[in-house]
PDB file of all heavy atoms in Angstrom:
ATOM      1  N   GLY A   1      75.220 133.128  48.241  1.00  0.00           N
ATOM      2  CA  GLY A   1      73.972 132.681  47.632  1.00  0.00           C
ATOM      3  C   GLY A   1      74.067 132.609  46.123  1.00  0.00           C
ATOM      4  O   GLY A   1      73.536 131.696  45.481  1.00  0.00           O
ATOM      5  N   ILE A   2      74.760 133.558  45.512  1.00  0.00           N
ATOM      6  CA  ILE A   2      74.928 133.573  44.049  1.00  0.00           C
ATOM      7  C   ILE A   2      75.739 132.347  43.610  1.00  0.00           C
ATOM      8  O   ILE A   2      75.450 131.713  42.590  1.00  0.00           O
ATOM      9  CB  ILE A   2      75.649 134.856  43.604  1.00  0.00           C
ATOM     10  CG1 ILE A   2      74.748 136.068  43.858  1.00  0.00           C
ATOM     11  CG2 ILE A   2      76.024 134.773  42.119  1.00  0.00           C
ATOM     12  CD1 ILE A   2      73.464 136.076  43.071  1.00  0.00           C
ATOM     13  N   LEU A   3      76.742 131.973  44.393  1.00  0.00           N
ATOM     14  CA  LEU A   3      77.555 130.793  44.068  1.00  0.00           C
ATOM     15  C   LEU A   3      76.708 129.519  44.085  1.00  0.00           C
ATOM     16  O   LEU A   3      76.826 128.661  43.224  1.00  0.00           O
ATOM     17  CB  LEU A   3      78.716 130.669  45.034  1.00  0.00           C
ATOM     18  CG  LEU A   3      79.756 131.786  44.998  1.00  0.00           C
ATOM     19  CD1 LEU A   3      80.844 131.561  46.051  1.00  0.00           C
ATOM     20  CD2 LEU A   3      80.393 131.910  43.609  1.00  0.00           C
ATOM     21  N   LEU A   4      75.804 129.420  45.063  1.00  0.00           N
ATOM     22  CA  LEU A   4      74.926 128.245  45.144  1.00  0.00           C
ATOM     23  C   LEU A   4      73.947 128.193  43.981  1.00  0.00           C
ATOM     24  O   LEU A   4      73.639 127.117  43.451  1.00  0.00           O
ATOM     25  CB  LEU A   4      74.193 128.210  46.494  1.00  0.00           C
ATOM     26  CG  LEU A   4      75.039 128.104  47.748  1.00  0.00           C
ATOM     27  CD1 LEU A   4      74.150 127.763  48.949  1.00  0.00           C
ATOM     28  CD2 LEU A   4      76.134 127.083  47.616  1.00  0.00           C
ATOM     29  N   ILE A   5      73.438 129.363  43.580  1.00  0.00           N
ATOM     30  CA  ILE A   5      72.538 129.408  42.438  1.00  0.00           C
ATOM     31  C   ILE A   5      73.267 128.973  41.171  1.00  0.00           C
ATOM     32  O   ILE A   5      72.716 128.248  40.337  1.00  0.00           O
ATOM     33  CB  ILE A   5      71.968 130.832  42.266  1.00  0.00           C
ATOM     34  CG1 ILE A   5      70.963 131.132  43.404  1.00  0.00           C
ATOM     35  CG2 ILE A   5      71.273 131.005  40.924  1.00  0.00           C
ATOM     36  CD1 ILE A   5      70.416 132.545  43.399  1.00  0.00           C
ATOM     37  N   ALA A   6      74.497 129.416  41.024  1.00  0.00           N
ATOM     38  CA  ALA A   6      75.288 129.032  39.839  1.00  0.00           C
ATOM     39  C   ALA A   6      75.502 127.517  39.799  1.00  0.00           C
ATOM     40  O   ALA A   6      75.372 126.893  38.730  1.00  0.00           O
ATOM     41  CB  ALA A   6      76.629 129.755  39.858  1.00  0.00           C
ATOM     42  N   ILE A   7      75.800 126.943  40.936  1.00  0.00           N
ATOM     43  CA  ILE A   7      76.020 125.481  40.999  1.00  0.00           C
ATOM     44  C   ILE A   7      74.722 124.741  40.682  1.00  0.00           C
ATOM     45  O   ILE A   7      74.713 123.754  39.930  1.00  0.00           O
ATOM     46  CB  ILE A   7      76.579 125.081  42.360  1.00  0.00           C
ATOM     47  CG1 ILE A   7      78.004 125.627  42.533  1.00  0.00           C
ATOM     48  CG2 ILE A   7      76.558 123.569  42.540  1.00  0.00           C
ATOM     49  CD1 ILE A   7      78.562 125.491  43.934  1.00  0.00           C
ATOM     50  N   ALA A   8      73.615 125.209  41.258  1.00  0.00           N
ATOM     51  CA  ALA A   8      72.328 124.565  40.989  1.00  0.00           C
ATOM     52  C   ALA A   8      71.959 124.641  39.524  1.00  0.00           C
ATOM     53  O   ALA A   8      71.385 123.709  38.958  1.00  0.00           O
ATOM     54  CB  ALA A   8      71.235 125.230  41.844  1.00  0.00           C
ATOM     55  N   SER A   9      72.288 125.770  38.872  1.00  0.00           N
ATOM     56  CA  SER A   9      72.029 125.901  37.433  1.00  0.00           C
ATOM     57  C   SER A   9      72.926 124.942  36.648  1.00  0.00           C
ATOM     58  O   SER A   9      72.477 124.335  35.677  1.00  0.00           O
ATOM     59  CB  SER A   9      72.293 127.335  36.980  1.00  0.00           C
ATOM     60  OG  SER A   9      71.433 128.250  37.647  1.00  0.00           O
ATOM     61  N   GLY A  10      74.158 124.820  37.071  1.00  0.00           N
ATOM     62  CA  GLY A  10      75.111 123.988  36.336  1.00  0.00           C
ATOM     63  C   GLY A  10      74.785 122.526  36.389  1.00  0.00           C
ATOM     64  O   GLY A  10      74.923 121.810  35.388  1.00  0.00           O
ATOM     65  N   ILE A  11      74.314 122.028  37.530  1.00  0.00           N
ATOM     66  CA  ILE A  11      74.088 120.587  37.644  1.00  0.00           C
ATOM     67  C   ILE A  11      72.871 120.135  36.832  1.00  0.00           C
ATOM     68  O   ILE A  11      72.730 118.950  36.534  1.00  0.00           O
ATOM     69  CB  ILE A  11      73.970 120.151  39.119  1.00  0.00           C
ATOM     70  CG1 ILE A  11      72.910 120.925  39.876  1.00  0.00           C
ATOM     71  CG2 ILE A  11      75.298 120.281  39.813  1.00  0.00           C
ATOM     72  CD1 ILE A  11      71.619 120.226  39.997  1.00  0.00           C
ATOM     73  N   SER A  12      72.005 121.054  36.460  1.00  0.00           N
ATOM     74  CA  SER A  12      70.860 120.656  35.616  1.00  0.00           C
ATOM     75  C   SER A  12      71.339 120.129  34.283  1.00  0.00           C
ATOM     76  O   SER A  12      70.707 119.275  33.662  1.00  0.00           O
ATOM     77  CB  SER A  12      69.902 121.832  35.419  1.00  0.00           C
ATOM     78  OG  SER A  12      70.501 122.865  34.654  1.00  0.00           O
ATOM     79  N   TYR A  13      72.502 120.618  33.837  1.00  0.00           N
ATOM     80  CA  TYR A  13      73.047 120.154  32.554  1.00  0.00           C
ATOM     81  C   TYR A  13      73.618 118.739  32.677  1.00  0.00           C
ATOM     82  O   TYR A  13      73.714 118.033  31.680  1.00  0.00           O
ATOM     83  CB  TYR A  13      74.085 121.128  32.033  1.00  0.00           C
ATOM     84  CG  TYR A  13      73.449 122.355  31.443  1.00  0.00           C
ATOM     85  CD1 TYR A  13      73.246 123.488  32.217  1.00  0.00           C
ATOM     86  CD2 TYR A  13      73.026 122.387  30.124  1.00  0.00           C
ATOM     87  CE1 TYR A  13      72.639 124.619  31.686  1.00  0.00           C
ATOM     88  CE2 TYR A  13      72.415 123.516  29.577  1.00  0.00           C
ATOM     89  CZ  TYR A  13      72.224 124.618  30.383  1.00  0.00           C
ATOM     90  OH  TYR A  13      71.618 125.728  29.855  1.00  0.00           O
ATOM     91  N   THR A  14      74.021 118.357  33.870  1.00  0.00           N
ATOM     92  CA  THR A  14      74.453 116.992  34.077  1.00  0.00           C
ATOM     93  C   THR A  14      73.303 116.026  33.846  1.00  0.00           C
ATOM     94  O   THR A  14      73.440 115.004  33.151  1.00  0.00           O
ATOM     95  CB  THR A  14      74.997 116.807  35.510  1.00  0.00           C
ATOM     96  OG1 THR A  14      76.090 117.691  35.713  1.00  0.00           O
ATOM     97  CG2 THR A  14      75.453 115.363  35.742  1.00  0.00           C
ATOM     98  N   ALA A  15      72.136 116.371  34.387  1.00  0.00           N
ATOM     99  CA  ALA A  15      70.945 115.536  34.164  1.00  0.00           C
ATOM    100  C   ALA A  15      70.581 115.508  32.683  1.00  0.00           C
ATOM    101  O   ALA A  15      70.227 114.444  32.154  1.00  0.00           O
ATOM    102  CB  ALA A  15      69.778 116.067  34.981  1.00  0.00           C
ATOM    103  N   TYR A  16      70.671 116.661  32.049  1.00  0.00           N
ATOM    104  CA  TYR A  16      70.342 116.724  30.618  1.00  0.00           C
ATOM    105  C   TYR A  16      71.275 115.864  29.782  1.00  0.00           C
ATOM    106  O   TYR A  16      70.820 115.087  28.920  1.00  0.00           O
ATOM    107  CB  TYR A  16      70.406 118.187  30.166  1.00  0.00           C
ATOM    108  CG  TYR A  16      70.332 118.376  28.659  1.00  0.00           C
ATOM    109  CD1 TYR A  16      69.121 118.283  27.982  1.00  0.00           C
ATOM    110  CD2 TYR A  16      71.493 118.622  27.920  1.00  0.00           C
ATOM    111  CE1 TYR A  16      69.057 118.430  26.601  1.00  0.00           C
ATOM    112  CE2 TYR A  16      71.428 118.786  26.545  1.00  0.00           C
ATOM    113  CZ  TYR A  16      70.203 118.703  25.897  1.00  0.00           C
ATOM    114  OH  TYR A  16      70.158 118.836  24.536  1.00  0.00           O
ATOM    115  N   ARG A  17      72.575 115.952  30.027  1.00  0.00           N
ATOM    116  CA  ARG A  17      73.533 115.198  29.230  1.00  0.00           C
ATOM    117  C   ARG A  17      73.403 113.672  29.489  1.00  0.00           C
ATOM    118  O   ARG A  17      73.532 112.885  28.551  1.00  0.00           O
ATOM    119  CB  ARG A  17      74.966 115.660  29.533  1.00  0.00           C
ATOM    120  CG  ARG A  17      75.283 117.052  28.989  1.00  0.00           C
ATOM    121  CD  ARG A  17      76.755 117.363  29.143  1.00  0.00           C
ATOM    122  NE  ARG A  17      77.165 117.425  30.530  1.00  0.00           N
ATOM    123  CZ  ARG A  17      77.117 118.542  31.270  1.00  0.00           C
ATOM    124  NH1 ARG A  17      76.675 119.658  30.720  1.00  0.00           N
ATOM    125  NH2 ARG A  17      77.517 118.524  32.522  1.00  0.00           N
ATOM    126  N   LEU A  18      73.117 113.294  30.719  1.00  0.00           N
ATOM    127  CA  LEU A  18      72.899 111.892  31.008  1.00  0.00           C
ATOM    128  C   LEU A  18      71.659 111.368  30.276  1.00  0.00           C
ATOM    129  O   LEU A  18      71.662 110.272  29.724  1.00  0.00           O
ATOM    130  CB  LEU A  18      72.745 111.693  32.509  1.00  0.00           C
ATOM    131  CG  LEU A  18      74.034 111.455  33.301  1.00  0.00           C
ATOM    132  CD1 LEU A  18      73.767 111.543  34.798  1.00  0.00           C
ATOM    133  CD2 LEU A  18      74.616 110.092  32.960  1.00  0.00           C
ATOM    134  N   PHE A  19      70.602 112.175  30.303  1.00  0.00           N
ATOM    135  CA  PHE A  19      69.370 111.766  29.619  1.00  0.00           C
ATOM    136  C   PHE A  19      69.614 111.591  28.124  1.00  0.00           C
ATOM    137  O   PHE A  19      69.139 110.595  27.529  1.00  0.00           O
ATOM    138  CB  PHE A  19      68.291 112.837  29.843  1.00  0.00           C
ATOM    139  CG  PHE A  19      67.010 112.556  29.092  1.00  0.00           C
ATOM    140  CD1 PHE A  19      66.077 111.649  29.574  1.00  0.00           C
ATOM    141  CD2 PHE A  19      66.741 113.210  27.896  1.00  0.00           C
ATOM    142  CE1 PHE A  19      64.907 111.387  28.864  1.00  0.00           C
ATOM    143  CE2 PHE A  19      65.577 112.957  27.188  1.00  0.00           C
ATOM    144  CZ  PHE A  19      64.658 112.043  27.678  1.00  0.00           C
ATOM    145  N   ILE A  20      70.349 112.500  27.517  1.00  0.00           N
ATOM    146  CA  ILE A  20      70.654 112.391  26.080  1.00  0.00           C
ATOM    147  C   ILE A  20      71.454 111.145  25.790  1.00  0.00           C
ATOM    148  O   ILE A  20      71.201 110.431  24.798  1.00  0.00           O
ATOM    149  CB  ILE A  20      71.392 113.652  25.586  1.00  0.00           C
ATOM    150  CG1 ILE A  20      70.485 114.883  25.699  1.00  0.00           C
ATOM    151  CG2 ILE A  20      71.884 113.460  24.159  1.00  0.00           C
ATOM    152  CD1 ILE A  20      69.210 114.813  24.888  1.00  0.00           C
ATOM    153  N   ASP A  21      72.432 110.826  26.641  1.00  0.00           N
ATOM    154  CA  ASP A  21      73.234 109.613  26.433  1.00  0.00           C
ATOM    155  C   ASP A  21      72.356 108.368  26.522  1.00  0.00           C
ATOM    156  O   ASP A  21      72.540 107.414  25.753  1.00  0.00           O
ATOM    157  CB  ASP A  21      74.335 109.545  27.473  1.00  0.00           C
ATOM    158  CG  ASP A  21      75.558 110.357  27.078  1.00  0.00           C
ATOM    159  OD1 ASP A  21      75.545 110.961  25.975  1.00  0.00           O
ATOM    160  OD2 ASP A  21      76.531 110.401  27.861  1.00  0.00           O
ATOM    161  N   VAL A  22      71.419 108.371  27.462  1.00  0.00           N
ATOM    162  CA  VAL A  22      70.523 107.217  27.607  1.00  0.00           C
ATOM    163  C   VAL A  22      69.655 107.080  26.374  1.00  0.00           C
ATOM    164  O   VAL A  22      69.504 105.983  25.806  1.00  0.00           O
ATOM    165  CB  VAL A  22      69.655 107.379  28.870  1.00  0.00           C
ATOM    166  CG1 VAL A  22      68.553 106.302  28.888  1.00  0.00           C
ATOM    167  CG2 VAL A  22      70.502 107.256  30.123  1.00  0.00           C
ATOM    168  N   GLN A  23      69.081 108.193  25.922  1.00  0.00           N
ATOM    169  CA  GLN A  23      68.162 108.141  24.777  1.00  0.00           C
ATOM    170  C   GLN A  23      68.863 107.759  23.486  1.00  0.00           C
ATOM    171  O   GLN A  23      68.282 107.096  22.609  1.00  0.00           O
ATOM    172  CB  GLN A  23      67.471 109.497  24.616  1.00  0.00           C
ATOM    173  CG  GLN A  23      66.532 109.855  25.771  1.00  0.00           C
ATOM    174  CD  GLN A  23      65.431 108.841  25.957  1.00  0.00           C
ATOM    175  OE1 GLN A  23      64.706 108.523  25.024  1.00  0.00           O
ATOM    176  NE2 GLN A  23      65.314 108.312  27.174  1.00  0.00           N
ATOM    177  N   ARG A  24      70.102 108.144  23.327  1.00  0.00           N
ATOM    178  CA  ARG A  24      70.843 107.853  22.100  1.00  0.00           C
ATOM    179  C   ARG A  24      71.532 106.496  22.122  1.00  0.00           C
ATOM    180  O   ARG A  24      72.205 106.114  21.154  1.00  0.00           O
ATOM    181  CB  ARG A  24      71.879 108.951  21.853  1.00  0.00           C
ATOM    182  CG  ARG A  24      71.275 110.306  21.513  1.00  0.00           C
ATOM    183  CD  ARG A  24      72.358 111.361  21.345  1.00  0.00           C
ATOM    184  NE  ARG A  24      71.764 112.641  20.951  1.00  0.00           N
ATOM    185  CZ  ARG A  24      72.473 113.769  20.823  1.00  0.00           C
ATOM    186  NH1 ARG A  24      73.788 113.781  21.058  1.00  0.00           N
ATOM    187  NH2 ARG A  24      71.877 114.903  20.478  1.00  0.00           N
ATOM    188  N   GLY A  25      71.400 105.776  23.212  1.00  0.00           N
ATOM    189  CA  GLY A  25      72.015 104.460  23.288  1.00  0.00           C
ATOM    190  C   GLY A  25      73.506 104.481  23.483  1.00  0.00           C
ATOM    191  O   GLY A  25      74.196 103.496  23.202  1.00  0.00           O
ATOM    192  N   ILE A  26      74.020 105.612  23.977  1.00  0.00           N
ATOM    193  CA  ILE A  26      75.484 105.739  24.178  1.00  0.00           C
ATOM    194  C   ILE A  26      75.963 104.736  25.208  1.00  0.00           C
ATOM    195  O   ILE A  26      77.042 104.141  25.062  1.00  0.00           O
ATOM    196  CB  ILE A  26      75.844 107.167  24.610  1.00  0.00           C
ATOM    197  CG1 ILE A  26      75.415 108.183  23.527  1.00  0.00           C
ATOM    198  CG2 ILE A  26      77.332 107.275  24.882  1.00  0.00           C
ATOM    199  CD1 ILE A  26      76.096 107.985  22.215  1.00  0.00           C
ATOM    200  N   PHE A  27      75.189 104.542  26.275  1.00  0.00           N
ATOM    201  CA  PHE A  27      75.595 103.608  27.308  1.00  0.00           C
ATOM    202  C   PHE A  27      75.781 102.200  26.733  1.00  0.00           C
ATOM    203  O   PHE A  27      76.763 101.512  27.024  1.00  0.00           O
ATOM    204  CB  PHE A  27      74.555 103.573  28.430  1.00  0.00           C
ATOM    205  CG  PHE A  27      74.613 104.755  29.340  1.00  0.00           C
ATOM    206  CD1 PHE A  27      75.519 105.783  29.134  1.00  0.00           C
ATOM    207  CD2 PHE A  27      73.770 104.844  30.422  1.00  0.00           C
ATOM    208  CE1 PHE A  27      75.586 106.878  29.964  1.00  0.00           C
ATOM    209  CE2 PHE A  27      73.816 105.924  31.283  1.00  0.00           C
ATOM    210  CZ  PHE A  27      74.731 106.940  31.053  1.00  0.00           C
ATOM    211  N   GLU A  28      74.825 101.779  25.918  1.00  0.00           N
ATOM    212  CA  GLU A  28      74.916 100.428  25.345  1.00  0.00           C
ATOM    213  C   GLU A  28      76.162 100.276  24.465  1.00  0.00           C
ATOM    214  O   GLU A  28      76.802  99.232  24.463  1.00  0.00           O
ATOM    215  CB  GLU A  28      73.662 100.129  24.517  1.00  0.00           C
ATOM    216  CG  GLU A  28      72.409  99.841  25.346  1.00  0.00           C
ATOM    217  CD  GLU A  28      71.774 101.118  25.911  1.00  0.00           C
ATOM    218  OE1 GLU A  28      72.265 102.220  25.570  1.00  0.00           O
ATOM    219  OE2 GLU A  28      70.826 101.008  26.686  1.00  0.00           O
ATOM    220  N   ARG A  29      76.514 101.340  23.730  1.00  0.00           N
ATOM    221  CA  ARG A  29      77.679 101.267  22.861  1.00  0.00           C
ATOM    222  C   ARG A  29      78.961 101.095  23.682  1.00  0.00           C
ATOM    223  O   ARG A  29      79.829 100.269  23.352  1.00  0.00           O
ATOM    224  CB  ARG A  29      77.781 102.527  22.001  1.00  0.00           C
ATOM    225  CG  ARG A  29      76.628 102.719  21.011  1.00  0.00           C
ATOM    226  CD  ARG A  29      76.830 104.004  20.225  1.00  0.00           C
ATOM    227  NE  ARG A  29      75.628 104.350  19.476  1.00  0.00           N
ATOM    228  CZ  ARG A  29      75.507 105.447  18.718  1.00  0.00           C
ATOM    229  NH1 ARG A  29      76.533 106.308  18.660  1.00  0.00           N
ATOM    230  NH2 ARG A  29      74.386 105.698  18.082  1.00  0.00           N
ATOM    231  N   PHE A  30      79.071 101.916  24.741  1.00  0.00           N
ATOM    232  CA  PHE A  30      80.280 101.830  25.558  1.00  0.00           C
ATOM    233  C   PHE A  30      80.325 100.524  26.362  1.00  0.00           C
ATOM    234  O   PHE A  30      81.413  99.999  26.609  1.00  0.00           O
ATOM    235  CB  PHE A  30      80.370 103.032  26.498  1.00  0.00           C
ATOM    236  CG  PHE A  30      80.863 104.290  25.832  1.00  0.00           C
ATOM    237  CD1 PHE A  30      80.079 105.423  25.772  1.00  0.00           C
ATOM    238  CD2 PHE A  30      82.123 104.336  25.277  1.00  0.00           C
ATOM    239  CE1 PHE A  30      80.536 106.583  25.162  1.00  0.00           C
ATOM    240  CE2 PHE A  30      82.609 105.484  24.651  1.00  0.00           C
ATOM    241  CZ  PHE A  30      81.797 106.600  24.603  1.00  0.00           C
ATOM    242  N   HIS A  31      79.147 100.047  26.753  1.00  0.00           N
ATOM    243  CA  HIS A  31      79.125  98.809  27.536  1.00  0.00           C
ATOM    244  C   HIS A  31      79.556  97.597  26.711  1.00  0.00           C
ATOM    245  O   HIS A  31      79.901  96.556  27.285  1.00  0.00           O
ATOM    246  CB  HIS A  31      77.715  98.578  28.104  1.00  0.00           C
ATOM    247  CG  HIS A  31      77.349  99.568  29.151  1.00  0.00           C
ATOM    248  ND1 HIS A  31      76.054  99.775  29.571  1.00  0.00           N
ATOM    249  CD2 HIS A  31      78.113 100.414  29.885  1.00  0.00           C
ATOM    250  CE1 HIS A  31      76.033 100.721  30.500  1.00  0.00           C
ATOM    251  NE2 HIS A  31      77.261 101.125  30.702  1.00  0.00           N
ATOM    252  N   SER A  32      79.510  97.722  25.396  1.00  0.00           N
ATOM    253  CA  SER A  32      79.964  96.628  24.540  1.00  0.00           C
ATOM    254  C   SER A  32      81.487  96.608  24.420  1.00  0.00           C
ATOM    255  O   SER A  32      82.052  95.699  23.821  1.00  0.00           O
ATOM    256  CB  SER A  32      79.336  96.748  23.146  1.00  0.00           C
ATOM    257  OG  SER A  32      79.802  97.918  22.477  1.00  0.00           O
ATOM    258  N   MET A  33      82.133  97.641  24.976  1.00  0.00           N
ATOM    259  CA  MET A  33      83.576  97.735  24.936  1.00  0.00           C
ATOM    260  C   MET A  33      84.197  97.285  26.263  1.00  0.00           C
ATOM    261  O   MET A  33      83.520  97.299  27.301  1.00  0.00           O
ATOM    262  CB  MET A  33      84.015  99.186  24.632  1.00  0.00           C
ATOM    263  CG  MET A  33      83.441  99.735  23.335  1.00  0.00           C
ATOM    264  SD  MET A  33      83.905 101.487  23.109  1.00  0.00           S
ATOM    265  CE  MET A  33      82.978 101.882  21.632  1.00  0.00           C
ATOM    266  N   PRO A  34      85.469  96.915  26.261  1.00  0.00           N
ATOM    267  CA  PRO A  34      86.126  96.480  27.505  1.00  0.00           C
ATOM    268  C   PRO A  34      86.539  97.644  28.398  1.00  0.00           C
ATOM    269  O   PRO A  34      87.722  97.929  28.595  1.00  0.00           O
ATOM    270  CB  PRO A  34      87.342  95.705  26.980  1.00  0.00           C
ATOM    271  CG  PRO A  34      87.681  96.391  25.716  1.00  0.00           C
ATOM    272  CD  PRO A  34      86.348  96.765  25.084  1.00  0.00           C
ATOM    273  N   ILE A  35      85.533  98.345  28.922  1.00  0.00           N
ATOM    274  CA  ILE A  35      85.807  99.468  29.819  1.00  0.00           C
ATOM    275  C   ILE A  35      84.981  99.301  31.071  1.00  0.00           C
ATOM    276  O   ILE A  35      83.983  98.563  31.085  1.00  0.00           O
ATOM    277  CB  ILE A  35      85.486 100.843  29.165  1.00  0.00           C
ATOM    278  CG1 ILE A  35      83.986 100.950  28.874  1.00  0.00           C
ATOM    279  CG2 ILE A  35      86.309 101.058  27.916  1.00  0.00           C
ATOM    280  CD1 ILE A  35      83.557 102.328  28.399  1.00  0.00           C
ATOM    281  N   SER A  36      85.374  99.976  32.114  1.00  0.00           N
ATOM    282  CA  SER A  36      84.633  99.944  33.366  1.00  0.00           C
ATOM    283  C   SER A  36      83.300 100.684  33.180  1.00  0.00           C
ATOM    284  O   SER A  36      83.282 101.841  32.767  1.00  0.00           O
ATOM    285  CB  SER A  36      85.449 100.613  34.479  1.00  0.00           C
ATOM    286  OG  SER A  36      84.699 100.681  35.659  1.00  0.00           O
ATOM    287  N   ARG A  37      82.226  99.982  33.478  1.00  0.00           N
ATOM    288  CA  ARG A  37      80.906 100.580  33.239  1.00  0.00           C
ATOM    289  C   ARG A  37      80.641 101.830  34.064  1.00  0.00           C
ATOM    290  O   ARG A  37      80.014 102.770  33.599  1.00  0.00           O
ATOM    291  CB  ARG A  37      79.816  99.533  33.495  1.00  0.00           C
ATOM    292  CG  ARG A  37      79.804  98.402  32.484  1.00  0.00           C
ATOM    293  CD  ARG A  37      78.633  97.496  32.697  1.00  0.00           C
ATOM    294  NE  ARG A  37      78.508  96.513  31.615  1.00  0.00           N
ATOM    295  CZ  ARG A  37      77.497  95.670  31.469  1.00  0.00           C
ATOM    296  NH1 ARG A  37      76.532  95.668  32.365  1.00  0.00           N
ATOM    297  NH2 ARG A  37      77.475  94.817  30.459  1.00  0.00           N
ATOM    298  N   SER A  38      81.121 101.858  35.297  1.00  0.00           N
ATOM    299  CA  SER A  38      80.856 102.990  36.159  1.00  0.00           C
ATOM    300  C   SER A  38      81.550 104.265  35.714  1.00  0.00           C
ATOM    301  O   SER A  38      81.172 105.366  36.113  1.00  0.00           O
ATOM    302  CB  SER A  38      81.253 102.661  37.602  1.00  0.00           C
ATOM    303  OG  SER A  38      82.632 102.366  37.680  1.00  0.00           O
ATOM    304  N   THR A  39      82.584 104.147  34.850  1.00  0.00           N
ATOM    305  CA  THR A  39      83.298 105.354  34.403  1.00  0.00           C
ATOM    306  C   THR A  39      82.410 106.248  33.546  1.00  0.00           C
ATOM    307  O   THR A  39      82.663 107.458  33.488  1.00  0.00           O
ATOM    308  CB  THR A  39      84.555 104.978  33.592  1.00  0.00           C
ATOM    309  OG1 THR A  39      84.178 104.153  32.470  1.00  0.00           O
ATOM    310  CG2 THR A  39      85.557 104.249  34.431  1.00  0.00           C
TER     311      THR A  39
END
């Protein structure tokens, strides 16, 4: 149970980091480059 709680706590930071990238326009910057968008 402790391991599952740790994982649940950790994945909240994934959502946070994605949100920050969206708000700062990071996606748009990388999408202007010749890279795979899904990466």
